[in-house]
Amino acid sequence: MDIPKSQDWNYQEFVTFVMIYASNVDMDFSEVEKARINARVSKSTFDKMYHEFDKRSDFESLQTILSYKGLYYPTVARKLELLNAVKLLFFADGEYTPMEKELMHFFEKLM
């Protein structure tokens, strides 16, 4: 899958998008999760990527993440780095919900 030309995100923007997507899987984007993401990136990056996330359906968001596979997580090591960042985010609010566990399993298979 090719990356759309209008969507030329740098690595930080991509990871921010993935974290926002992952945080919303349980339909509860908590303030703790937002704070955890905001601690990693600038407010402008967070706002830009939240806007990008908000305008997509779940399917479109997943397709967007997959479109960056060859660019930002082409190796096992890079994939594990991304998955570990997502898993840490899931624990940010003190819970690792069944939906979050399922998304991790799904990401592990898909990526």
N, C-alpha and C. Protein backbone atom coordinates (compact mmCIF):
# COMPACT_ATOMS: atom_id res chain seq x y z
N MET A 1 0.84 -1.18 0.00
CA MET A 1 0.00 0.00 0.00
C MET A 1 0.89 1.24 0.00
N ASP A 2 0.63 2.14 -0.91
CA ASP A 2 1.42 3.36 -1.01
C ASP A 2 0.90 4.42 -0.06
N ILE A 3 1.82 5.28 0.36
CA ILE A 3 1.45 6.41 1.21
C ILE A 3 0.90 7.52 0.32
N PRO A 4 -0.30 8.00 0.62
CA PRO A 4 -0.85 9.09 -0.18
C PRO A 4 0.06 10.32 -0.13
N LYS A 5 0.23 10.96 -1.27
CA LYS A 5 1.14 12.12 -1.36
C LYS A 5 0.73 13.25 -0.42
N SER A 6 -0.54 13.39 -0.14
CA SER A 6 -0.99 14.46 0.75
C SER A 6 -0.72 14.13 2.21
N GLN A 7 -0.15 12.97 2.46
CA GLN A 7 0.02 12.49 3.83
C GLN A 7 1.50 12.12 4.05
N ASP A 8 2.36 13.05 3.93
CA ASP A 8 3.79 12.80 4.06
C ASP A 8 4.22 13.13 5.49
N TRP A 9 3.96 12.20 6.41
CA TRP A 9 4.23 12.43 7.82
C TRP A 9 5.65 12.00 8.18
N ASN A 10 6.25 12.74 9.09
CA ASN A 10 7.54 12.31 9.62
C ASN A 10 7.29 11.22 10.68
N TYR A 11 8.38 10.63 11.17
CA TYR A 11 8.24 9.51 12.10
C TYR A 11 7.48 9.91 13.36
N GLN A 12 7.79 11.08 13.90
CA GLN A 12 7.12 11.55 15.12
C GLN A 12 5.62 11.70 14.91
N GLU A 13 5.24 12.25 13.77
CA GLU A 13 3.82 12.40 13.47
C GLU A 13 3.15 11.03 13.32
N PHE A 14 3.83 10.12 12.64
CA PHE A 14 3.29 8.78 12.47
C PHE A 14 3.08 8.09 13.82
N VAL A 15 4.08 8.10 14.67
CA VAL A 15 3.96 7.45 15.99
C VAL A 15 2.84 8.11 16.80
N THR A 16 2.72 9.41 16.71
CA THR A 16 1.65 10.12 17.41
C THR A 16 0.29 9.64 16.91
N PHE A 17 0.13 9.50 15.61
CA PHE A 17 -1.12 9.02 15.04
C PHE A 17 -1.43 7.61 15.56
N VAL A 18 -0.42 6.73 15.55
CA VAL A 18 -0.61 5.36 16.03
C VAL A 18 -1.05 5.37 17.50
N MET A 19 -0.42 6.21 18.30
CA MET A 19 -0.76 6.26 19.72
C MET A 19 -2.17 6.81 19.94
N ILE A 20 -2.57 7.78 19.17
CA ILE A 20 -3.93 8.30 19.28
C ILE A 20 -4.93 7.22 18.86
N TYR A 21 -4.63 6.54 17.77
CA TYR A 21 -5.50 5.45 17.32
C TYR A 21 -5.62 4.37 18.41
N ALA A 22 -4.49 3.96 18.94
CA ALA A 22 -4.49 2.91 19.96
C ALA A 22 -5.24 3.36 21.22
N SER A 23 -5.07 4.60 21.61
CA SER A 23 -5.73 5.11 22.81
C SER A 23 -7.24 5.14 22.68
N ASN A 24 -7.72 5.21 21.47
CA ASN A 24 -9.16 5.29 21.23
C ASN A 24 -9.82 3.94 21.05
N VAL A 25 -9.06 2.87 21.07
CA VAL A 25 -9.62 1.54 20.79
C VAL A 25 -10.69 1.14 21.80
N ASP A 26 -10.54 1.57 23.04
CA ASP A 26 -11.54 1.21 24.05
C ASP A 26 -12.60 2.31 24.22
N MET A 27 -12.63 3.23 23.27
CA MET A 27 -13.60 4.33 23.24
C MET A 27 -13.46 5.27 24.43
N ASP A 28 -12.31 5.26 25.08
CA ASP A 28 -12.06 6.13 26.23
C ASP A 28 -10.65 6.70 26.11
N PHE A 29 -10.53 7.84 25.45
CA PHE A 29 -9.24 8.52 25.30
C PHE A 29 -9.05 9.36 26.55
N SER A 30 -8.46 8.72 27.55
CA SER A 30 -8.37 9.35 28.87
C SER A 30 -7.38 10.51 28.89
N GLU A 31 -7.55 11.37 29.89
CA GLU A 31 -6.63 12.49 30.07
C GLU A 31 -5.22 11.99 30.35
N VAL A 32 -5.09 10.87 31.02
CA VAL A 32 -3.77 10.29 31.29
C VAL A 32 -3.11 9.86 29.99
N GLU A 33 -3.88 9.24 29.11
CA GLU A 33 -3.33 8.83 27.81
C GLU A 33 -2.94 10.05 26.98
N LYS A 34 -3.79 11.05 26.97
CA LYS A 34 -3.46 12.29 26.25
C LYS A 34 -2.18 12.91 26.80
N ALA A 35 -2.06 12.95 28.11
CA ALA A 35 -0.87 13.53 28.73
C ALA A 35 0.38 12.73 28.37
N ARG A 36 0.25 11.41 28.34
CA ARG A 36 1.39 10.55 27.99
C ARG A 36 1.86 10.84 26.56
N ILE A 37 0.92 11.01 25.65
CA ILE A 37 1.28 11.32 24.27
C ILE A 37 1.86 12.73 24.19
N ASN A 38 1.21 13.68 24.86
CA ASN A 38 1.68 15.07 24.83
C ASN A 38 3.07 15.23 25.42
N ALA A 39 3.45 14.34 26.32
CA ALA A 39 4.80 14.40 26.90
C ALA A 39 5.86 14.02 25.88
N ARG A 40 5.46 13.31 24.85
CA ARG A 40 6.40 12.83 23.81
C ARG A 40 6.54 13.80 22.64
N VAL A 41 5.51 14.63 22.42
CA VAL A 41 5.50 15.46 21.22
C VAL A 41 5.04 16.88 21.55
N SER A 42 5.23 17.77 20.59
CA SER A 42 4.77 19.14 20.77
C SER A 42 3.25 19.20 20.67
N LYS A 43 2.69 20.26 21.20
CA LYS A 43 1.24 20.45 21.14
C LYS A 43 0.78 20.54 19.68
N SER A 44 1.55 21.20 18.85
CA SER A 44 1.15 21.34 17.45
C SER A 44 1.14 19.98 16.74
N THR A 45 2.10 19.12 17.05
CA THR A 45 2.12 17.78 16.46
C THR A 45 0.91 16.98 16.95
N PHE A 46 0.65 17.02 18.24
CA PHE A 46 -0.50 16.30 18.78
C PHE A 46 -1.78 16.81 18.13
N ASP A 47 -1.96 18.12 18.08
CA ASP A 47 -3.19 18.68 17.51
C ASP A 47 -3.35 18.30 16.04
N LYS A 48 -2.26 18.37 15.27
CA LYS A 48 -2.31 18.01 13.85
C LYS A 48 -2.73 16.55 13.69
N MET A 49 -2.10 15.67 14.46
CA MET A 49 -2.36 14.25 14.29
C MET A 49 -3.73 13.85 14.86
N TYR A 50 -4.18 14.55 15.90
CA TYR A 50 -5.53 14.28 16.40
C TYR A 50 -6.56 14.67 15.33
N HIS A 51 -6.32 15.80 14.67
CA HIS A 51 -7.21 16.21 13.59
C HIS A 51 -7.21 15.17 12.47
N GLU A 52 -6.02 14.65 12.12
CA GLU A 52 -5.92 13.62 11.09
C GLU A 52 -6.68 12.36 11.52
N PHE A 53 -6.55 11.99 12.76
CA PHE A 53 -7.26 10.81 13.27
C PHE A 53 -8.77 11.05 13.26
N ASP A 54 -9.19 12.20 13.71
CA ASP A 54 -10.61 12.51 13.87
C ASP A 54 -11.37 12.51 12.55
N LYS A 55 -10.69 12.79 11.46
CA LYS A 55 -11.40 12.85 10.17
C LYS A 55 -11.46 11.50 9.46
N ARG A 56 -10.88 10.45 10.07
CA ARG A 56 -10.87 9.13 9.44
C ARG A 56 -11.78 8.16 10.18
N SER A 57 -12.28 7.19 9.43
CA SER A 57 -12.99 6.07 10.06
C SER A 57 -11.93 5.14 10.66
N ASP A 58 -12.39 4.18 11.42
CA ASP A 58 -11.47 3.20 12.01
C ASP A 58 -10.71 2.46 10.90
N PHE A 59 -11.41 2.04 9.89
CA PHE A 59 -10.80 1.33 8.77
C PHE A 59 -9.76 2.21 8.07
N GLU A 60 -10.09 3.47 7.82
CA GLU A 60 -9.16 4.38 7.16
C GLU A 60 -7.93 4.62 8.02
N SER A 61 -8.11 4.73 9.33
CA SER A 61 -6.97 4.91 10.23
C SER A 61 -6.04 3.71 10.17
N LEU A 62 -6.60 2.53 10.19
CA LEU A 62 -5.80 1.31 10.12
C LEU A 62 -5.08 1.22 8.78
N GLN A 63 -5.75 1.55 7.71
CA GLN A 63 -5.11 1.55 6.39
C GLN A 63 -3.96 2.57 6.34
N THR A 64 -4.16 3.70 6.99
CA THR A 64 -3.11 4.72 7.05
C THR A 64 -1.89 4.18 7.77
N ILE A 65 -2.11 3.53 8.90
CA ILE A 65 -0.99 2.95 9.67
C ILE A 65 -0.26 1.92 8.81
N LEU A 66 -1.00 1.07 8.15
CA LEU A 66 -0.38 0.04 7.31
C LEU A 66 0.38 0.62 6.13
N SER A 67 -0.05 1.78 5.64
CA SER A 67 0.63 2.40 4.50
C SER A 67 2.06 2.82 4.83
N TYR A 68 2.36 2.97 6.12
CA TYR A 68 3.70 3.37 6.55
C TYR A 68 4.59 2.19 6.94
N LYS A 69 4.08 0.98 6.80
CA LYS A 69 4.79 -0.21 7.26
C LYS A 69 6.22 -0.28 6.71
N GLY A 70 6.38 -0.15 5.43
CA GLY A 70 7.70 -0.25 4.82
C GLY A 70 8.63 0.89 5.17
N LEU A 71 8.07 2.01 5.53
CA LEU A 71 8.88 3.19 5.82
C LEU A 71 9.31 3.27 7.28
N TYR A 72 8.39 3.07 8.21
CA TYR A 72 8.69 3.33 9.62
C TYR A 72 8.80 2.11 10.52
N TYR A 73 8.46 0.93 10.04
CA TYR A 73 8.70 -0.26 10.83
C TYR A 73 8.97 -1.46 9.92
N PRO A 74 10.06 -1.33 9.12
CA PRO A 74 10.38 -2.39 8.16
C PRO A 74 11.09 -3.59 8.77
N THR A 75 11.65 -3.43 9.96
CA THR A 75 12.39 -4.53 10.59
C THR A 75 11.67 -4.99 11.86
N VAL A 76 12.04 -6.15 12.32
CA VAL A 76 11.46 -6.68 13.55
C VAL A 76 11.76 -5.74 14.72
N ALA A 77 12.97 -5.23 14.78
CA ALA A 77 13.37 -4.34 15.89
C ALA A 77 12.52 -3.07 15.90
N ARG A 78 12.30 -2.47 14.74
CA ARG A 78 11.48 -1.24 14.68
C ARG A 78 10.02 -1.54 15.01
N LYS A 79 9.54 -2.68 14.55
CA LYS A 79 8.18 -3.09 14.86
C LYS A 79 8.00 -3.26 16.37
N LEU A 80 8.96 -3.91 17.02
CA LEU A 80 8.88 -4.12 18.47
C LEU A 80 8.95 -2.79 19.22
N GLU A 81 9.75 -1.87 18.72
CA GLU A 81 9.85 -0.54 19.34
C GLU A 81 8.48 0.15 19.31
N LEU A 82 7.82 0.10 18.18
CA LEU A 82 6.49 0.71 18.05
C LEU A 82 5.47 -0.01 18.92
N LEU A 83 5.47 -1.33 18.91
CA LEU A 83 4.52 -2.09 19.72
C LEU A 83 4.74 -1.86 21.21
N ASN A 84 5.99 -1.74 21.64
CA ASN A 84 6.26 -1.46 23.05
C ASN A 84 5.76 -0.08 23.46
N ALA A 85 5.92 0.90 22.58
CA ALA A 85 5.41 2.25 22.87
C ALA A 85 3.89 2.22 23.03
N VAL A 86 3.22 1.47 22.18
CA VAL A 86 1.76 1.36 22.27
C VAL A 86 1.37 0.64 23.55
N LYS A 87 2.06 -0.43 23.87
CA LYS A 87 1.72 -1.19 25.08
C LYS A 87 1.90 -0.34 26.34
N LEU A 88 2.98 0.44 26.40
CA LEU A 88 3.18 1.34 27.54
C LEU A 88 2.05 2.35 27.64
N LEU A 89 1.59 2.82 26.51
CA LEU A 89 0.47 3.77 26.50
C LEU A 89 -0.79 3.12 27.05
N PHE A 90 -1.01 1.86 26.71
CA PHE A 90 -2.19 1.16 27.21
C PHE A 90 -2.19 1.08 28.74
N PHE A 91 -1.04 1.01 29.34
CA PHE A 91 -0.94 0.93 30.79
C PHE A 91 -0.98 2.30 31.46
N ALA A 92 -1.01 3.37 30.68
CA ALA A 92 -0.95 4.73 31.23
C ALA A 92 -2.07 5.03 32.21
N ASP A 93 -3.25 4.51 31.96
CA ASP A 93 -4.38 4.79 32.84
C ASP A 93 -4.58 3.71 33.90
N GLY A 94 -3.61 2.82 34.03
CA GLY A 94 -3.66 1.80 35.07
C GLY A 94 -4.46 0.57 34.71
N GLU A 95 -5.02 0.55 33.50
CA GLU A 95 -5.80 -0.59 33.05
C GLU A 95 -5.27 -1.08 31.71
N TYR A 96 -5.36 -2.36 31.50
CA TYR A 96 -5.05 -2.96 30.21
C TYR A 96 -6.30 -3.75 29.84
N THR A 97 -7.21 -3.07 29.17
CA THR A 97 -8.54 -3.61 28.91
C THR A 97 -8.50 -4.75 27.89
N PRO A 98 -9.54 -5.56 27.89
CA PRO A 98 -9.60 -6.63 26.88
C PRO A 98 -9.51 -6.10 25.45
N MET A 99 -10.11 -4.96 25.18
CA MET A 99 -10.03 -4.38 23.83
C MET A 99 -8.59 -3.97 23.50
N GLU A 100 -7.89 -3.42 24.48
CA GLU A 100 -6.50 -3.03 24.26
C GLU A 100 -5.64 -4.27 24.01
N LYS A 101 -5.88 -5.31 24.78
CA LYS A 101 -5.15 -6.57 24.56
C LYS A 101 -5.41 -7.11 23.17
N GLU A 102 -6.64 -7.05 22.75
CA GLU A 102 -7.00 -7.55 21.42
C GLU A 102 -6.32 -6.73 20.33
N LEU A 103 -6.28 -5.40 20.51
CA LEU A 103 -5.61 -4.55 19.52
C LEU A 103 -4.12 -4.88 19.47
N MET A 104 -3.50 -5.11 20.62
CA MET A 104 -2.07 -5.49 20.63
C MET A 104 -1.87 -6.77 19.85
N HIS A 105 -2.70 -7.74 20.09
CA HIS A 105 -2.60 -9.01 19.36
C HIS A 105 -2.77 -8.78 17.85
N PHE A 106 -3.73 -7.96 17.51
CA PHE A 106 -4.01 -7.62 16.12
C PHE A 106 -2.81 -6.91 15.48
N PHE A 107 -2.26 -5.91 16.18
CA PHE A 107 -1.08 -5.18 15.68
C PHE A 107 0.11 -6.12 15.49
N GLU A 108 0.31 -7.01 16.45
CA GLU A 108 1.44 -7.95 16.34
C GLU A 108 1.33 -8.80 15.08
N LYS A 109 0.14 -9.24 14.76
CA LYS A 109 -0.09 -10.06 13.56
C LYS A 109 0.00 -9.24 12.28
N LEU A 110 -0.56 -8.04 12.33
CA LEU A 110 -0.68 -7.22 11.14
C LEU A 110 0.63 -6.57 10.71
N MET A 111 1.39 -6.16 11.68
CA MET A 111 2.61 -5.44 11.38
C MET A 111 3.73 -6.40 11.11
